Amino acid sequence: MTRASRALIASALIGFAGLGSGEALGADQALRGKAFWYGAAHHGRRTASGETFNRNALTAAHRSLPFGTRLRVTNAHTGRSVVVRVNDRGPFGGGRVIDISHAAARTIGLSGVGEVALARL
């Protein structure tokens, strides 16, 4: 089995499970899963990267991707997408693959928890 075949199978398994945190999310791979937005309660607090969280910025929390990673987040229900920058850690519950800022959620029409596709840019 070639290295590319193993990578393709691994990507499919992560996407199928819907629970992967995206450690294997390469530039040519996509991941589907649940997303949630966070806003007012965290606005003005420090993120894991040391930045001050701004709910009006296009940012996201991901468990393992490096800070500064840019992701295209597409709402599976609306088809709308937004590019966010990882600047925080999370999500830590609910089987979600990403938490996005309130501004990012508004851009893609996400209210509450929703199904999204992530693509690393």
N, C-alpha and C. Protein backbone atom coordinates (compact mmCIF):
# COMPACT_ATOMS: atom_id res chain seq x y z
N MET A 1 0.86 -1.18 0.00
CA MET A 1 0.00 0.00 0.00
C MET A 1 0.90 1.24 0.00
N THR A 2 0.58 2.18 -0.86
CA THR A 2 1.40 3.39 -0.95
C THR A 2 1.09 4.34 0.19
N ARG A 3 2.00 5.27 0.38
CA ARG A 3 1.82 6.28 1.42
C ARG A 3 0.57 7.13 1.16
N ALA A 4 0.35 7.46 -0.12
CA ALA A 4 -0.83 8.26 -0.48
C ALA A 4 -2.12 7.49 -0.18
N SER A 5 -2.11 6.17 -0.45
CA SER A 5 -3.30 5.35 -0.17
C SER A 5 -3.59 5.31 1.32
N ARG A 6 -2.53 5.16 2.12
CA ARG A 6 -2.72 5.14 3.58
C ARG A 6 -3.28 6.47 4.07
N ALA A 7 -2.77 7.57 3.52
CA ALA A 7 -3.26 8.90 3.92
C ALA A 7 -4.73 9.08 3.54
N LEU A 8 -5.10 8.61 2.36
CA LEU A 8 -6.49 8.72 1.91
C LEU A 8 -7.42 7.90 2.81
N ILE A 9 -7.01 6.70 3.15
CA ILE A 9 -7.82 5.84 4.03
C ILE A 9 -7.94 6.47 5.41
N ALA A 10 -6.84 6.99 5.94
CA ALA A 10 -6.87 7.63 7.26
C ALA A 10 -7.81 8.83 7.26
N SER A 11 -7.74 9.64 6.20
CA SER A 11 -8.61 10.80 6.09
C SER A 11 -10.08 10.39 6.06
N ALA A 12 -10.38 9.35 5.28
CA ALA A 12 -11.75 8.87 5.19
C ALA A 12 -12.26 8.36 6.53
N LEU A 13 -11.40 7.65 7.27
CA LEU A 13 -11.81 7.14 8.57
C LEU A 13 -12.07 8.26 9.56
N ILE A 14 -11.23 9.27 9.54
CA ILE A 14 -11.44 10.41 10.44
C ILE A 14 -12.75 11.10 10.10
N GLY A 15 -12.98 11.35 8.81
CA GLY A 15 -14.22 12.00 8.40
C GLY A 15 -15.43 11.16 8.70
N PHE A 16 -15.33 9.84 8.52
CA PHE A 16 -16.44 8.94 8.79
C PHE A 16 -16.79 8.94 10.27
N ALA A 17 -15.77 8.90 11.11
CA ALA A 17 -16.01 8.88 12.55
C ALA A 17 -16.65 10.18 13.02
N GLY A 18 -16.27 11.28 12.38
CA GLY A 18 -16.84 12.57 12.75
C GLY A 18 -16.39 13.06 14.11
N LEU A 19 -15.43 12.35 14.69
CA LEU A 19 -14.96 12.70 16.02
C LEU A 19 -13.51 13.11 16.04
N GLY A 20 -12.81 12.98 14.93
CA GLY A 20 -11.38 13.30 14.88
C GLY A 20 -11.14 14.76 15.16
N SER A 21 -10.04 15.06 15.81
CA SER A 21 -9.73 16.45 16.11
C SER A 21 -8.96 17.11 14.99
N GLY A 22 -8.67 16.36 13.93
CA GLY A 22 -8.04 16.95 12.77
C GLY A 22 -6.54 16.94 12.78
N GLU A 23 -5.90 16.15 13.67
CA GLU A 23 -4.46 16.11 13.69
C GLU A 23 -3.90 15.79 12.31
N ALA A 24 -4.59 14.97 11.54
CA ALA A 24 -4.12 14.55 10.23
C ALA A 24 -4.67 15.43 9.12
N LEU A 25 -5.23 16.58 9.43
CA LEU A 25 -5.85 17.44 8.44
C LEU A 25 -4.77 18.16 7.65
N GLY A 26 -4.41 17.57 6.50
CA GLY A 26 -3.41 18.15 5.63
C GLY A 26 -4.04 19.16 4.69
N ALA A 27 -3.19 19.80 3.89
CA ALA A 27 -3.67 20.83 2.98
C ALA A 27 -4.62 20.28 1.93
N ASP A 28 -4.51 18.99 1.60
CA ASP A 28 -5.34 18.41 0.56
C ASP A 28 -6.47 17.56 1.12
N GLN A 29 -6.76 17.70 2.41
CA GLN A 29 -7.77 16.87 3.05
C GLN A 29 -8.90 17.73 3.62
N ALA A 30 -10.03 17.09 3.85
CA ALA A 30 -11.18 17.77 4.45
C ALA A 30 -11.69 16.92 5.60
N LEU A 31 -12.35 17.55 6.53
CA LEU A 31 -12.91 16.87 7.69
C LEU A 31 -14.31 17.42 7.92
N ARG A 32 -15.25 16.53 8.18
CA ARG A 32 -16.61 16.94 8.51
C ARG A 32 -16.86 16.66 9.98
N GLY A 33 -17.67 17.50 10.59
CA GLY A 33 -18.01 17.30 11.98
C GLY A 33 -18.88 18.43 12.49
N LYS A 34 -19.06 18.44 13.78
CA LYS A 34 -19.91 19.46 14.41
C LYS A 34 -19.09 20.68 14.81
N ALA A 35 -19.72 21.83 14.70
CA ALA A 35 -19.12 23.10 15.11
C ALA A 35 -20.10 23.85 15.99
N PHE A 36 -19.57 24.74 16.79
CA PHE A 36 -20.36 25.60 17.65
C PHE A 36 -19.66 26.95 17.65
N TRP A 37 -20.37 27.99 17.99
CA TRP A 37 -19.73 29.30 18.07
C TRP A 37 -19.64 29.76 19.52
N TYR A 38 -18.67 30.60 19.77
CA TYR A 38 -18.55 31.20 21.10
C TYR A 38 -18.35 32.70 20.94
N GLY A 39 -18.84 33.44 21.92
CA GLY A 39 -18.84 34.88 21.75
C GLY A 39 -18.77 35.67 23.03
N ALA A 40 -19.91 36.20 23.46
CA ALA A 40 -19.97 37.21 24.53
C ALA A 40 -19.27 36.80 25.82
N ALA A 41 -19.45 35.58 26.26
CA ALA A 41 -18.87 35.16 27.54
C ALA A 41 -17.34 35.14 27.50
N HIS A 42 -16.75 35.00 26.31
CA HIS A 42 -15.30 34.92 26.18
C HIS A 42 -14.68 36.20 25.63
N HIS A 43 -15.50 37.11 25.15
CA HIS A 43 -15.01 38.35 24.54
C HIS A 43 -14.12 39.12 25.52
N GLY A 44 -12.92 39.45 25.07
CA GLY A 44 -11.98 40.20 25.89
C GLY A 44 -11.06 39.35 26.75
N ARG A 45 -11.31 38.04 26.81
CA ARG A 45 -10.44 37.15 27.58
C ARG A 45 -9.27 36.68 26.73
N ARG A 46 -8.24 36.17 27.38
CA ARG A 46 -7.07 35.65 26.68
C ARG A 46 -7.37 34.30 26.07
N THR A 47 -6.89 34.11 24.84
CA THR A 47 -6.98 32.81 24.19
C THR A 47 -5.73 32.00 24.55
N ALA A 48 -5.71 30.74 24.17
CA ALA A 48 -4.55 29.89 24.44
C ALA A 48 -3.29 30.40 23.73
N SER A 49 -3.47 31.14 22.63
CA SER A 49 -2.32 31.69 21.91
C SER A 49 -1.78 32.96 22.55
N GLY A 50 -2.50 33.50 23.54
CA GLY A 50 -2.09 34.73 24.20
C GLY A 50 -2.80 35.97 23.68
N GLU A 51 -3.51 35.82 22.58
CA GLU A 51 -4.28 36.95 22.04
C GLU A 51 -5.50 37.22 22.90
N THR A 52 -6.05 38.41 22.76
CA THR A 52 -7.32 38.73 23.38
C THR A 52 -8.42 38.28 22.42
N PHE A 53 -9.37 37.50 22.93
CA PHE A 53 -10.44 37.01 22.07
C PHE A 53 -11.37 38.15 21.67
N ASN A 54 -11.67 38.21 20.39
CA ASN A 54 -12.60 39.20 19.84
C ASN A 54 -13.68 38.42 19.10
N ARG A 55 -14.88 38.42 19.60
CA ARG A 55 -15.95 37.65 18.97
C ARG A 55 -16.31 38.16 17.59
N ASN A 56 -15.82 39.36 17.24
CA ASN A 56 -16.09 39.95 15.93
C ASN A 56 -15.00 39.66 14.90
N ALA A 57 -13.96 38.93 15.31
CA ALA A 57 -12.88 38.54 14.40
C ALA A 57 -13.20 37.15 13.83
N LEU A 58 -12.60 36.81 12.72
CA LEU A 58 -12.83 35.50 12.09
C LEU A 58 -11.78 34.52 12.59
N THR A 59 -12.03 33.99 13.79
CA THR A 59 -11.08 33.09 14.44
C THR A 59 -11.77 31.81 14.89
N ALA A 60 -10.94 30.85 15.35
CA ALA A 60 -11.48 29.55 15.75
C ALA A 60 -10.62 28.90 16.82
N ALA A 61 -11.24 27.95 17.51
CA ALA A 61 -10.55 27.12 18.49
C ALA A 61 -10.50 25.70 17.94
N HIS A 62 -9.31 25.12 17.90
CA HIS A 62 -9.12 23.75 17.43
C HIS A 62 -8.18 23.06 18.42
N ARG A 63 -8.40 21.76 18.63
CA ARG A 63 -7.63 21.02 19.63
C ARG A 63 -6.15 20.90 19.33
N SER A 64 -5.77 20.76 18.06
CA SER A 64 -4.36 20.42 17.81
C SER A 64 -3.67 21.17 16.69
N LEU A 65 -4.40 21.81 15.80
CA LEU A 65 -3.74 22.52 14.70
C LEU A 65 -2.93 23.69 15.24
N PRO A 66 -1.80 23.99 14.62
CA PRO A 66 -0.96 25.10 15.10
C PRO A 66 -1.70 26.44 15.05
N PHE A 67 -1.38 27.30 16.01
CA PHE A 67 -1.93 28.65 15.99
C PHE A 67 -1.52 29.31 14.67
N GLY A 68 -2.44 30.06 14.10
CA GLY A 68 -2.18 30.72 12.83
C GLY A 68 -2.66 29.93 11.62
N THR A 69 -3.01 28.65 11.82
CA THR A 69 -3.51 27.84 10.71
C THR A 69 -4.80 28.45 10.19
N ARG A 70 -4.91 28.55 8.87
CA ARG A 70 -6.12 29.08 8.25
C ARG A 70 -6.96 27.92 7.74
N LEU A 71 -8.26 27.96 8.05
CA LEU A 71 -9.19 26.91 7.66
C LEU A 71 -10.39 27.51 6.95
N ARG A 72 -10.86 26.81 5.92
CA ARG A 72 -12.15 27.17 5.33
C ARG A 72 -13.19 26.32 6.04
N VAL A 73 -14.16 26.98 6.65
CA VAL A 73 -15.25 26.31 7.36
C VAL A 73 -16.51 26.50 6.53
N THR A 74 -17.12 25.39 6.10
CA THR A 74 -18.31 25.45 5.26
C THR A 74 -19.49 24.84 6.00
N ASN A 75 -20.56 25.59 6.12
CA ASN A 75 -21.79 25.12 6.75
C ASN A 75 -22.45 24.12 5.79
N ALA A 76 -22.60 22.88 6.23
CA ALA A 76 -23.18 21.83 5.38
C ALA A 76 -24.63 22.12 5.04
N HIS A 77 -25.32 22.86 5.88
CA HIS A 77 -26.75 23.16 5.65
C HIS A 77 -26.95 24.29 4.64
N THR A 78 -26.13 25.35 4.77
CA THR A 78 -26.32 26.52 3.91
C THR A 78 -25.37 26.55 2.72
N GLY A 79 -24.26 25.83 2.80
CA GLY A 79 -23.25 25.86 1.75
C GLY A 79 -22.35 27.08 1.81
N ARG A 80 -22.60 27.98 2.76
CA ARG A 80 -21.78 29.19 2.90
C ARG A 80 -20.50 28.86 3.65
N SER A 81 -19.41 29.57 3.29
CA SER A 81 -18.13 29.29 3.94
C SER A 81 -17.43 30.58 4.36
N VAL A 82 -16.47 30.39 5.26
CA VAL A 82 -15.68 31.50 5.78
C VAL A 82 -14.28 30.97 6.07
N VAL A 83 -13.29 31.83 5.95
CA VAL A 83 -11.93 31.45 6.31
C VAL A 83 -11.64 32.00 7.70
N VAL A 84 -11.20 31.12 8.60
CA VAL A 84 -10.88 31.50 9.97
C VAL A 84 -9.42 31.17 10.26
N ARG A 85 -8.91 31.81 11.31
CA ARG A 85 -7.54 31.57 11.77
C ARG A 85 -7.61 30.95 13.16
N VAL A 86 -6.88 29.85 13.36
CA VAL A 86 -6.86 29.18 14.67
C VAL A 86 -6.02 30.03 15.64
N ASN A 87 -6.65 30.43 16.75
CA ASN A 87 -5.92 31.20 17.77
C ASN A 87 -6.25 30.73 19.18
N ASP A 88 -6.96 29.61 19.28
CA ASP A 88 -7.36 29.12 20.61
C ASP A 88 -7.44 27.60 20.59
N ARG A 89 -7.50 26.99 21.76
CA ARG A 89 -7.65 25.54 21.89
C ARG A 89 -9.09 25.22 22.25
N GLY A 90 -9.52 24.08 21.82
CA GLY A 90 -10.88 23.62 22.04
C GLY A 90 -11.35 22.98 20.76
N PRO A 91 -12.53 22.57 20.61
CA PRO A 91 -13.53 22.43 21.66
C PRO A 91 -13.21 21.26 22.58
N PHE A 92 -13.73 21.30 23.76
CA PHE A 92 -13.42 20.26 24.74
C PHE A 92 -14.62 19.41 25.11
N GLY A 93 -15.69 19.52 24.39
CA GLY A 93 -16.86 18.70 24.69
C GLY A 93 -17.82 18.64 23.53
N GLY A 94 -18.81 17.80 23.68
CA GLY A 94 -19.88 17.73 22.71
C GLY A 94 -19.55 17.06 21.40
N GLY A 95 -18.38 16.43 21.28
CA GLY A 95 -18.02 15.76 20.04
C GLY A 95 -17.80 16.71 18.87
N ARG A 96 -17.50 17.97 19.16
CA ARG A 96 -17.30 18.95 18.10
C ARG A 96 -15.86 18.90 17.58
N VAL A 97 -15.66 19.30 16.31
CA VAL A 97 -14.33 19.35 15.73
C VAL A 97 -13.74 20.75 15.76
N ILE A 98 -14.59 21.76 15.94
CA ILE A 98 -14.12 23.14 15.95
C ILE A 98 -15.14 24.03 16.65
N ASP A 99 -14.64 25.10 17.27
CA ASP A 99 -15.49 26.18 17.76
C ASP A 99 -15.06 27.42 16.98
N ILE A 100 -16.02 28.20 16.51
CA ILE A 100 -15.71 29.39 15.73
C ILE A 100 -16.27 30.63 16.42
N SER A 101 -15.70 31.77 16.09
CA SER A 101 -16.17 33.03 16.68
C SER A 101 -17.60 33.32 16.23
N HIS A 102 -18.23 34.21 16.97
CA HIS A 102 -19.60 34.60 16.64
C HIS A 102 -19.66 35.21 15.24
N ALA A 103 -18.67 36.02 14.87
CA ALA A 103 -18.65 36.64 13.53
C ALA A 103 -18.56 35.58 12.44
N ALA A 104 -17.74 34.57 12.64
CA ALA A 104 -17.61 33.50 11.64
C ALA A 104 -18.91 32.72 11.52
N ALA A 105 -19.54 32.44 12.65
CA ALA A 105 -20.81 31.70 12.64
C ALA A 105 -21.89 32.49 11.90
N ARG A 106 -21.95 33.79 12.16
CA ARG A 106 -22.92 34.65 11.50
C ARG A 106 -22.70 34.65 9.98
N THR A 107 -21.43 34.66 9.57
CA THR A 107 -21.09 34.69 8.15
C THR A 107 -21.60 33.46 7.41
N ILE A 108 -21.55 32.29 8.05
CA ILE A 108 -21.98 31.06 7.38
C ILE A 108 -23.39 30.63 7.74
N GLY A 109 -24.06 31.42 8.57
CA GLY A 109 -25.44 31.11 8.93
C GLY A 109 -25.56 29.99 9.95
N LEU A 110 -24.59 29.89 10.84
CA LEU A 110 -24.61 28.85 11.88
C LEU A 110 -25.17 29.42 13.17
N SER A 111 -26.23 28.80 13.67
CA SER A 111 -26.75 29.20 14.97
C SER A 111 -26.80 27.93 15.82
N GLY A 112 -26.12 27.95 16.93
CA GLY A 112 -26.01 26.75 17.75
C GLY A 112 -24.99 25.78 17.16
N VAL A 113 -25.25 24.49 17.33
CA VAL A 113 -24.36 23.46 16.81
C VAL A 113 -24.81 23.08 15.41
N GLY A 114 -23.84 22.97 14.49
CA GLY A 114 -24.17 22.60 13.12
C GLY A 114 -23.08 21.78 12.48
N GLU A 115 -23.43 21.10 11.41
CA GLU A 115 -22.49 20.27 10.65
C GLU A 115 -21.69 21.15 9.71
N VAL A 116 -20.36 20.99 9.74
CA VAL A 116 -19.48 21.78 8.88
C VAL A 116 -18.44 20.87 8.23
N ALA A 117 -17.83 21.40 7.19
CA ALA A 117 -16.67 20.76 6.57
C ALA A 117 -15.50 21.72 6.77
N LEU A 118 -14.34 21.18 7.16
CA LEU A 118 -13.14 21.96 7.35
C LEU A 118 -12.14 21.62 6.26
N ALA A 119 -11.50 22.62 5.71
CA ALA A 119 -10.42 22.40 4.75
C ALA A 119 -9.28 23.32 5.15
N ARG A 120 -8.10 22.75 5.25
CA ARG A 120 -6.92 23.53 5.62
C ARG A 120 -6.40 24.26 4.39
N LEU A 121 -6.10 25.54 4.54
CA LEU A 121 -5.59 26.35 3.42
C LEU A 121 -4.08 26.44 3.47
